[in-house]
PDB file of all heavy atoms in Angstrom:
ATOM      1  N   ALA A   1      98.918-106.604   2.815  1.00  0.00           N
ATOM      2  CA  ALA A   1      98.867-105.608   1.757  1.00  0.00           C
ATOM      3  C   ALA A   1      99.284-104.253   2.333  1.00  0.00           C
ATOM      4  O   ALA A   1      98.897-103.906   3.450  1.00  0.00           O
ATOM      5  CB  ALA A   1      97.463-105.519   1.164  1.00  0.00           C
ATOM      6  N   ALA A   2     100.059-103.514   1.581  1.00  0.00           N
ATOM      7  CA  ALA A   2     100.495-102.178   1.983  1.00  0.00           C
ATOM      8  C   ALA A   2     100.503-101.290   0.742  1.00  0.00           C
ATOM      9  O   ALA A   2     100.145-101.718  -0.355  1.00  0.00           O
ATOM     10  CB  ALA A   2     101.868-102.243   2.644  1.00  0.00           C
ATOM     11  N   GLU A   3     100.932-100.046   0.917  1.00  0.00           N
ATOM     12  CA  GLU A   3     100.914 -99.117  -0.206  1.00  0.00           C
ATOM     13  C   GLU A   3     101.888 -99.544  -1.299  1.00  0.00           C
ATOM     14  O   GLU A   3     101.656 -99.288  -2.476  1.00  0.00           O
ATOM     15  CB  GLU A   3     101.250 -97.700   0.276  1.00  0.00           C
ATOM     16  CG  GLU A   3     100.402 -97.204   1.444  1.00  0.00           C
ATOM     17  CD  GLU A   3      98.911 -97.264   1.171  1.00  0.00           C
ATOM     18  OE1 GLU A   3      98.498 -97.089   0.008  1.00  0.00           O
ATOM     19  OE2 GLU A   3      98.140 -97.497   2.128  1.00  0.00           O
ATOM     20  N   THR A   4     102.970-100.209  -0.894  1.00  0.00           N
ATOM     21  CA  THR A   4     103.951-100.708  -1.861  1.00  0.00           C
ATOM     22  C   THR A   4     104.371-102.115  -1.472  1.00  0.00           C
ATOM     23  O   THR A   4     104.275-102.500  -0.293  1.00  0.00           O
ATOM     24  CB  THR A   4     105.211 -99.824  -1.910  1.00  0.00           C
ATOM     25  OG1 THR A   4     105.897 -99.927  -0.654  1.00  0.00           O
ATOM     26  CG2 THR A   4     104.847 -98.363  -2.178  1.00  0.00           C
ATOM     27  N   PRO A   5     104.876-102.906  -2.421  1.00  0.00           N
ATOM     28  CA  PRO A   5     105.382-104.232  -2.064  1.00  0.00           C
ATOM     29  C   PRO A   5     106.518-104.172  -1.059  1.00  0.00           C
ATOM     30  O   PRO A   5     106.632-105.049  -0.189  1.00  0.00           O
ATOM     31  CB  PRO A   5     105.852-104.798  -3.408  1.00  0.00           C
ATOM     32  CG  PRO A   5     105.029-104.081  -4.433  1.00  0.00           C
ATOM     33  CD  PRO A   5     104.850-102.702  -3.885  1.00  0.00           C
ATOM     34  N   GLU A   6     107.357-103.160  -1.168  1.00  0.00           N
ATOM     35  CA  GLU A   6     108.497-103.015  -0.245  1.00  0.00           C
ATOM     36  C   GLU A   6     108.009-102.790   1.183  1.00  0.00           C
ATOM     37  O   GLU A   6     108.563-103.344   2.136  1.00  0.00           O
ATOM     38  CB  GLU A   6     109.398-101.868  -0.687  1.00  0.00           C
ATOM     39  CG  GLU A   6     110.114-102.087  -2.007  1.00  0.00           C
ATOM     40  CD  GLU A   6     109.211-101.899  -3.223  1.00  0.00           C
ATOM     41  OE1 GLU A   6     108.111-101.283  -3.075  1.00  0.00           O
ATOM     42  OE2 GLU A   6     109.594-102.351  -4.325  1.00  0.00           O
ATOM     43  N   GLN A   7     106.963-101.977   1.332  1.00  0.00           N
ATOM     44  CA  GLN A   7     106.422-101.735   2.660  1.00  0.00           C
ATOM     45  C   GLN A   7     105.788-102.994   3.228  1.00  0.00           C
ATOM     46  O   GLN A   7     105.923-103.297   4.419  1.00  0.00           O
ATOM     47  CB  GLN A   7     105.388-100.606   2.611  1.00  0.00           C
ATOM     48  CG  GLN A   7     104.687-100.316   3.924  1.00  0.00           C
ATOM     49  CD  GLN A   7     105.596 -99.758   5.012  1.00  0.00           C
ATOM     50  OE1 GLN A   7     106.791 -99.557   4.795  1.00  0.00           O
ATOM     51  NE2 GLN A   7     105.034 -99.503   6.179  1.00  0.00           N
ATOM     52  N   ALA A   8     105.097-103.778   2.400  1.00  0.00           N
ATOM     53  CA  ALA A   8     104.497-105.027   2.866  1.00  0.00           C
ATOM     54  C   ALA A   8     105.570-105.985   3.363  1.00  0.00           C
ATOM     55  O   ALA A   8     105.402-106.636   4.407  1.00  0.00           O
ATOM     56  CB  ALA A   8     103.684-105.669   1.741  1.00  0.00           C
ATOM     57  N   LEU A   9     106.673-106.100   2.633  1.00  0.00           N
ATOM     58  CA  LEU A   9     107.766-106.978   3.049  1.00  0.00           C
ATOM     59  C   LEU A   9     108.368-106.491   4.360  1.00  0.00           C
ATOM     60  O   LEU A   9     108.671-107.297   5.254  1.00  0.00           O
ATOM     61  CB  LEU A   9     108.834-107.024   1.963  1.00  0.00           C
ATOM     62  CG  LEU A   9     110.074-107.864   2.257  1.00  0.00           C
ATOM     63  CD1 LEU A   9     109.699-109.318   2.527  1.00  0.00           C
ATOM     64  CD2 LEU A   9     111.072-107.768   1.099  1.00  0.00           C
ATOM     65  N   ARG A  10     108.518-105.205   4.496  1.00  0.00           N
ATOM     66  CA  ARG A  10     109.070-104.644   5.740  1.00  0.00           C
ATOM     67  C   ARG A  10     108.167-104.976   6.929  1.00  0.00           C
ATOM     68  O   ARG A  10     108.647-105.371   8.001  1.00  0.00           O
ATOM     69  CB  ARG A  10     109.231-103.133   5.595  1.00  0.00           C
ATOM     70  CG  ARG A  10     109.831-102.426   6.807  1.00  0.00           C
ATOM     71  CD  ARG A  10     110.115-100.971   6.496  1.00  0.00           C
ATOM     72  NE  ARG A  10     110.754-100.293   7.627  1.00  0.00           N
ATOM     73  CZ  ARG A  10     110.090 -99.641   8.571  1.00  0.00           C
ATOM     74  NH1 ARG A  10     108.752 -99.557   8.524  1.00  0.00           N
ATOM     75  NH2 ARG A  10     110.736 -99.066   9.560  1.00  0.00           N
ATOM     76  N   LEU A  11     106.863-104.848   6.752  1.00  0.00           N
ATOM     77  CA  LEU A  11     105.930-105.176   7.830  1.00  0.00           C
ATOM     78  C   LEU A  11     105.957-106.657   8.153  1.00  0.00           C
ATOM     79  O   LEU A  11     105.841-107.062   9.312  1.00  0.00           O
ATOM     80  CB  LEU A  11     104.513-104.747   7.428  1.00  0.00           C
ATOM     81  CG  LEU A  11     104.264-103.254   7.226  1.00  0.00           C
ATOM     82  CD1 LEU A  11     102.836-103.033   6.740  1.00  0.00           C
ATOM     83  CD2 LEU A  11     104.535-102.468   8.498  1.00  0.00           C
ATOM     84  N   ALA A  12     106.122-107.486   7.129  1.00  0.00           N
ATOM     85  CA  ALA A  12     106.079-108.932   7.322  1.00  0.00           C
ATOM     86  C   ALA A  12     107.249-109.448   8.142  1.00  0.00           C
ATOM     87  O   ALA A  12     107.134-110.473   8.829  1.00  0.00           O
ATOM     88  CB  ALA A  12     106.051-109.635   5.968  1.00  0.00           C
ATOM     89  N   ARG A  13     108.371-108.769   8.083  1.00  0.00           N
ATOM     90  CA  ARG A  13     109.553-109.243   8.817  1.00  0.00           C
ATOM     91  C   ARG A  13     109.319-109.228  10.328  1.00  0.00           C
ATOM     92  O   ARG A  13     109.916-110.028  11.055  1.00  0.00           O
ATOM     93  CB  ARG A  13     110.773-108.391   8.462  1.00  0.00           C
ATOM     94  CG  ARG A  13     111.249-108.579   7.025  1.00  0.00           C
ATOM     95  CD  ARG A  13     112.628-107.971   6.830  1.00  0.00           C
ATOM     96  NE  ARG A  13     113.081-108.097   5.457  1.00  0.00           N
ATOM     97  CZ  ARG A  13     113.100-107.108   4.565  1.00  0.00           C
ATOM     98  NH1 ARG A  13     112.675-105.897   4.937  1.00  0.00           N
ATOM     99  NH2 ARG A  13     113.533-107.295   3.342  1.00  0.00           N
ATOM    100  N   SER A  14     108.449-108.349  10.821  1.00  0.00           N
ATOM    101  CA  SER A  14     108.154-108.333  12.260  1.00  0.00           C
ATOM    102  C   SER A  14     107.529-109.648  12.695  1.00  0.00           C
ATOM    103  O   SER A  14     107.928-110.256  13.701  1.00  0.00           O
ATOM    104  CB  SER A  14     107.205-107.174  12.592  1.00  0.00           C
ATOM    105  OG  SER A  14     107.825-105.926  12.390  1.00  0.00           O
ATOM    106  N   GLY A  15     106.529-110.100  11.949  1.00  0.00           N
ATOM    107  CA  GLY A  15     105.907-111.382  12.265  1.00  0.00           C
ATOM    108  C   GLY A  15     106.866-112.536  12.103  1.00  0.00           C
ATOM    109  O   GLY A  15     106.809-113.517  12.851  1.00  0.00           O
ATOM    110  N   GLY A  16     107.778-112.428  11.123  1.00  0.00           N
ATOM    111  CA  GLY A  16     108.768-113.478  10.921  1.00  0.00           C
ATOM    112  C   GLY A  16     109.694-113.619  12.107  1.00  0.00           C
ATOM    113  O   GLY A  16     109.992-114.742  12.553  1.00  0.00           O
ATOM    114  N   LEU A  17     110.169-112.490  12.636  1.00  0.00           N
ATOM    115  CA  LEU A  17     111.037-112.543  13.811  1.00  0.00           C
ATOM    116  C   LEU A  17     110.267-113.059  15.024  1.00  0.00           C
ATOM    117  O   LEU A  17     110.805-113.823  15.843  1.00  0.00           O
ATOM    118  CB  LEU A  17     111.618-111.162  14.107  1.00  0.00           C
ATOM    119  CG  LEU A  17     112.510-111.043  15.349  1.00  0.00           C
ATOM    120  CD1 LEU A  17     113.649-112.058  15.330  1.00  0.00           C
ATOM    121  CD2 LEU A  17     113.048-109.612  15.491  1.00  0.00           C
ATOM    122  N   SER A  18     108.995-112.698  15.135  1.00  0.00           N
ATOM    123  CA  SER A  18     108.173-113.212  16.234  1.00  0.00           C
ATOM    124  C   SER A  18     108.058-114.727  16.167  1.00  0.00           C
ATOM    125  O   SER A  18     108.176-115.419  17.192  1.00  0.00           O
ATOM    126  CB  SER A  18     106.785-112.565  16.183  1.00  0.00           C
ATOM    127  OG  SER A  18     105.980-113.019  17.246  1.00  0.00           O
ATOM    128  N   MET A  19     107.850-115.266  14.959  1.00  0.00           N
ATOM    129  CA  MET A  19     107.758-116.717  14.802  1.00  0.00           C
ATOM    130  C   MET A  19     109.092-117.389  15.103  1.00  0.00           C
ATOM    131  O   MET A  19     109.141-118.466  15.695  1.00  0.00           O
ATOM    132  CB  MET A  19     107.307-117.054  13.384  1.00  0.00           C
ATOM    133  CG  MET A  19     105.849-116.742  13.111  1.00  0.00           C
ATOM    134  SD  MET A  19     104.723-117.649  14.200  1.00  0.00           S
ATOM    135  CE  MET A  19     105.130-119.332  13.749  1.00  0.00           C
ATOM    136  N   LEU A  20     110.183-116.759  14.706  1.00  0.00           N
ATOM    137  CA  LEU A  20     111.509-117.302  14.992  1.00  0.00           C
ATOM    138  C   LEU A  20     111.720-117.417  16.498  1.00  0.00           C
ATOM    139  O   LEU A  20     112.193-118.447  16.999  1.00  0.00           O
ATOM    140  CB  LEU A  20     112.578-116.407  14.369  1.00  0.00           C
ATOM    141  CG  LEU A  20     114.031-116.740  14.699  1.00  0.00           C
ATOM    142  CD1 LEU A  20     114.407-118.128  14.193  1.00  0.00           C
ATOM    143  CD2 LEU A  20     114.966-115.680  14.105  1.00  0.00           C
ATOM    144  N   ARG A  21     111.369-116.389  17.230  1.00  0.00           N
ATOM    145  CA  ARG A  21     111.517-116.427  18.686  1.00  0.00           C
ATOM    146  C   ARG A  21     110.615-117.491  19.306  1.00  0.00           C
ATOM    147  O   ARG A  21     111.009-118.171  20.265  1.00  0.00           O
ATOM    148  CB  ARG A  21     111.204-115.052  19.259  1.00  0.00           C
ATOM    149  CG  ARG A  21     112.280-114.012  18.960  1.00  0.00           C
ATOM    150  CD  ARG A  21     111.812-112.613  19.312  1.00  0.00           C
ATOM    151  NE  ARG A  21     112.934-111.667  19.327  1.00  0.00           N
ATOM    152  CZ  ARG A  21     112.788-110.336  19.386  1.00  0.00           C
ATOM    153  NH1 ARG A  21     111.563-109.824  19.447  1.00  0.00           N
ATOM    154  NH2 ARG A  21     113.848-109.557  19.394  1.00  0.00           N
ATOM    155  N   LEU A  22     109.431-117.646  18.775  1.00  0.00           N
ATOM    156  CA  LEU A  22     108.525-118.677  19.289  1.00  0.00           C
ATOM    157  C   LEU A  22     109.118-120.061  19.076  1.00  0.00           C
ATOM    158  O   LEU A  22     109.103-120.902  19.991  1.00  0.00           O
ATOM    159  CB  LEU A  22     107.173-118.562  18.582  1.00  0.00           C
ATOM    160  CG  LEU A  22     106.111-119.589  18.979  1.00  0.00           C
ATOM    161  CD1 LEU A  22     105.734-119.442  20.449  1.00  0.00           C
ATOM    162  CD2 LEU A  22     104.876-119.436  18.089  1.00  0.00           C
ATOM    163  N   ARG A  23     109.664-120.312  17.899  1.00  0.00           N
ATOM    164  CA  ARG A  23     110.266-121.619  17.612  1.00  0.00           C
ATOM    165  C   ARG A  23     111.482-121.882  18.492  1.00  0.00           C
ATOM    166  O   ARG A  23     111.784-123.040  18.806  1.00  0.00           O
ATOM    167  CB  ARG A  23     110.663-121.680  16.140  1.00  0.00           C
ATOM    168  CG  ARG A  23     109.493-121.673  15.180  1.00  0.00           C
ATOM    169  CD  ARG A  23     108.680-122.948  15.276  1.00  0.00           C
ATOM    170  NE  ARG A  23     107.531-122.930  14.366  1.00  0.00           N
ATOM    171  CZ  ARG A  23     107.565-123.339  13.118  1.00  0.00           C
ATOM    172  NH1 ARG A  23     108.693-123.795  12.604  1.00  0.00           N
ATOM    173  NH2 ARG A  23     106.483-123.297  12.375  1.00  0.00           N
ATOM    174  N   ARG A  24     112.181-120.840  18.893  1.00  0.00           N
ATOM    175  CA  ARG A  24     113.345-121.004  19.767  1.00  0.00           C
ATOM    176  C   ARG A  24     112.958-121.132  21.231  1.00  0.00           C
ATOM    177  O   ARG A  24     113.808-121.293  22.098  1.00  0.00           O
ATOM    178  CB  ARG A  24     114.282-119.803  19.602  1.00  0.00           C
ATOM    179  CG  ARG A  24     115.075-119.825  18.315  1.00  0.00           C
ATOM    180  CD  ARG A  24     115.844-118.530  18.092  1.00  0.00           C
ATOM    181  NE  ARG A  24     116.177-117.843  19.327  1.00  0.00           N
ATOM    182  CZ  ARG A  24     116.634-116.591  19.372  1.00  0.00           C
ATOM    183  NH1 ARG A  24     116.783-115.908  18.270  1.00  0.00           N
ATOM    184  NH2 ARG A  24     116.934-116.044  20.517  1.00  0.00           N
ATOM    185  N   GLY A  25     111.664-121.018  21.539  1.00  0.00           N
ATOM    186  CA  GLY A  25     111.222-121.119  22.925  1.00  0.00           C
ATOM    187  C   GLY A  25     111.372-119.847  23.716  1.00  0.00           C
ATOM    188  O   GLY A  25     111.365-119.869  24.946  1.00  0.00           O
ATOM    189  N   THR A  26     111.492-118.708  23.023  1.00  0.00           N
ATOM    190  CA  THR A  26     111.616-117.411  23.702  1.00  0.00           C
ATOM    191  C   THR A  26     110.569-116.447  23.153  1.00  0.00           C
ATOM    192  O   THR A  26     110.900-115.411  22.564  1.00  0.00           O
ATOM    193  CB  THR A  26     113.022-116.815  23.506  1.00  0.00           C
ATOM    194  OG1 THR A  26     113.299-116.707  22.089  1.00  0.00           O
ATOM    195  CG2 THR A  26     114.072-117.681  24.175  1.00  0.00           C
ATOM    196  N   PRO A  27     109.273-116.772  23.293  1.00  0.00           N
ATOM    197  CA  PRO A  27     108.232-115.918  22.709  1.00  0.00           C
ATOM    198  C   PRO A  27     108.209-114.536  23.342  1.00  0.00           C
ATOM    199  O   PRO A  27     108.421-114.378  24.545  1.00  0.00           O
ATOM    200  CB  PRO A  27     106.948-116.695  23.006  1.00  0.00           C
ATOM    201  CG  PRO A  27     107.266-117.508  24.221  1.00  0.00           C
ATOM    202  CD  PRO A  27     108.710-117.899  24.063  1.00  0.00           C
ATOM    203  N   GLN A  28     107.940-113.541  22.509  1.00  0.00           N
ATOM    204  CA  GLN A  28     107.856-112.148  22.938  1.00  0.00           C
ATOM    205  C   GLN A  28     106.759-111.465  22.122  1.00  0.00           C
ATOM    206  O   GLN A  28     106.314-112.003  21.111  1.00  0.00           O
ATOM    207  CB  GLN A  28     109.190-111.429  22.703  1.00  0.00           C
ATOM    208  CG  GLN A  28     110.370-111.997  23.457  1.00  0.00           C
ATOM    209  CD  GLN A  28     111.663-111.269  23.114  1.00  0.00           C
ATOM    210  OE1 GLN A  28     111.675-110.062  22.878  1.00  0.00           O
ATOM    211  NE2 GLN A  28     112.761-112.021  23.083  1.00  0.00           N
ATOM    212  N   PRO A  29     106.331-110.276  22.550  1.00  0.00           N
ATOM    213  CA  PRO A  29     105.423-109.515  21.690  1.00  0.00           C
ATOM    214  C   PRO A  29     106.045-109.279  20.313  1.00  0.00           C
ATOM    215  O   PRO A  29     107.269-109.344  20.145  1.00  0.00           O
ATOM    216  CB  PRO A  29     105.236-108.201  22.456  1.00  0.00           C
ATOM    217  CG  PRO A  29     105.487-108.573  23.882  1.00  0.00           C
ATOM    218  CD  PRO A  29     106.570-109.613  23.843  1.00  0.00           C
ATOM    219  N   ILE A  30     105.223-109.003  19.325  1.00  0.00           N
ATOM    220  CA  ILE A  30     105.712-108.812  17.963  1.00  0.00           C
ATOM    221  C   ILE A  30     106.615-107.584  17.904  1.00  0.00           C
ATOM    222  O   ILE A  30     106.223-106.491  18.335  1.00  0.00           O
ATOM    223  CB  ILE A  30     104.539-108.666  16.986  1.00  0.00           C
ATOM    224  CG1 ILE A  30     103.712-109.950  16.981  1.00  0.00           C
ATOM    225  CG2 ILE A  30     105.034-108.355  15.573  1.00  0.00           C
ATOM    226  CD1 ILE A  30     102.480-109.873  16.132  1.00  0.00           C
ATOM    227  N   PRO A  31     107.831-107.728  17.390  1.00  0.00           N
ATOM    228  CA  PRO A  31     108.764-106.594  17.360  1.00  0.00           C
ATOM    229  C   PRO A  31     108.352-105.559  16.319  1.00  0.00           C
ATOM    230  O   PRO A  31     107.562-105.834  15.404  1.00  0.00           O
ATOM    231  CB  PRO A  31     110.093-107.251  16.988  1.00  0.00           C
ATOM    232  CG  PRO A  31     109.702-108.452  16.193  1.00  0.00           C
ATOM    233  CD  PRO A  31     108.422-108.946  16.816  1.00  0.00           C
ATOM    234  N   THR A  32     108.913-104.381  16.444  1.00  0.00           N
ATOM    235  CA  THR A  32     108.680-103.336  15.458  1.00  0.00           C
ATOM    236  C   THR A  32     109.423-103.681  14.162  1.00  0.00           C
ATOM    237  O   THR A  32     110.371-104.480  14.168  1.00  0.00           O
ATOM    238  CB  THR A  32     109.190-101.988  15.963  1.00  0.00           C
ATOM    239  OG1 THR A  32     110.614-102.063  16.126  1.00  0.00           O
ATOM    240  CG2 THR A  32     108.544-101.617  17.301  1.00  0.00           C
ATOM    241  N   PRO A  33     109.046-103.074  13.047  1.00  0.00           N
ATOM    242  CA  PRO A  33     109.805-103.286  11.812  1.00  0.00           C
ATOM    243  C   PRO A  33     111.269-102.895  11.949  1.00  0.00           C
ATOM    244  O   PRO A  33     112.148-103.565  11.383  1.00  0.00           O
ATOM    245  CB  PRO A  33     109.081-102.394  10.800  1.00  0.00           C
ATOM    246  CG  PRO A  33     107.678-102.311  11.309  1.00  0.00           C
ATOM    247  CD  PRO A  33     107.808-102.296  12.806  1.00  0.00           C
TER     248      PRO A  33
END
């Protein structure tokens, strides 16, 4: 949850990229938005 739906989606993409890297076998700390 964020102040706006657009901000929530922007924040969510960081976790999405983190999961993508994990699935590729290259885990890293969660990236910035």
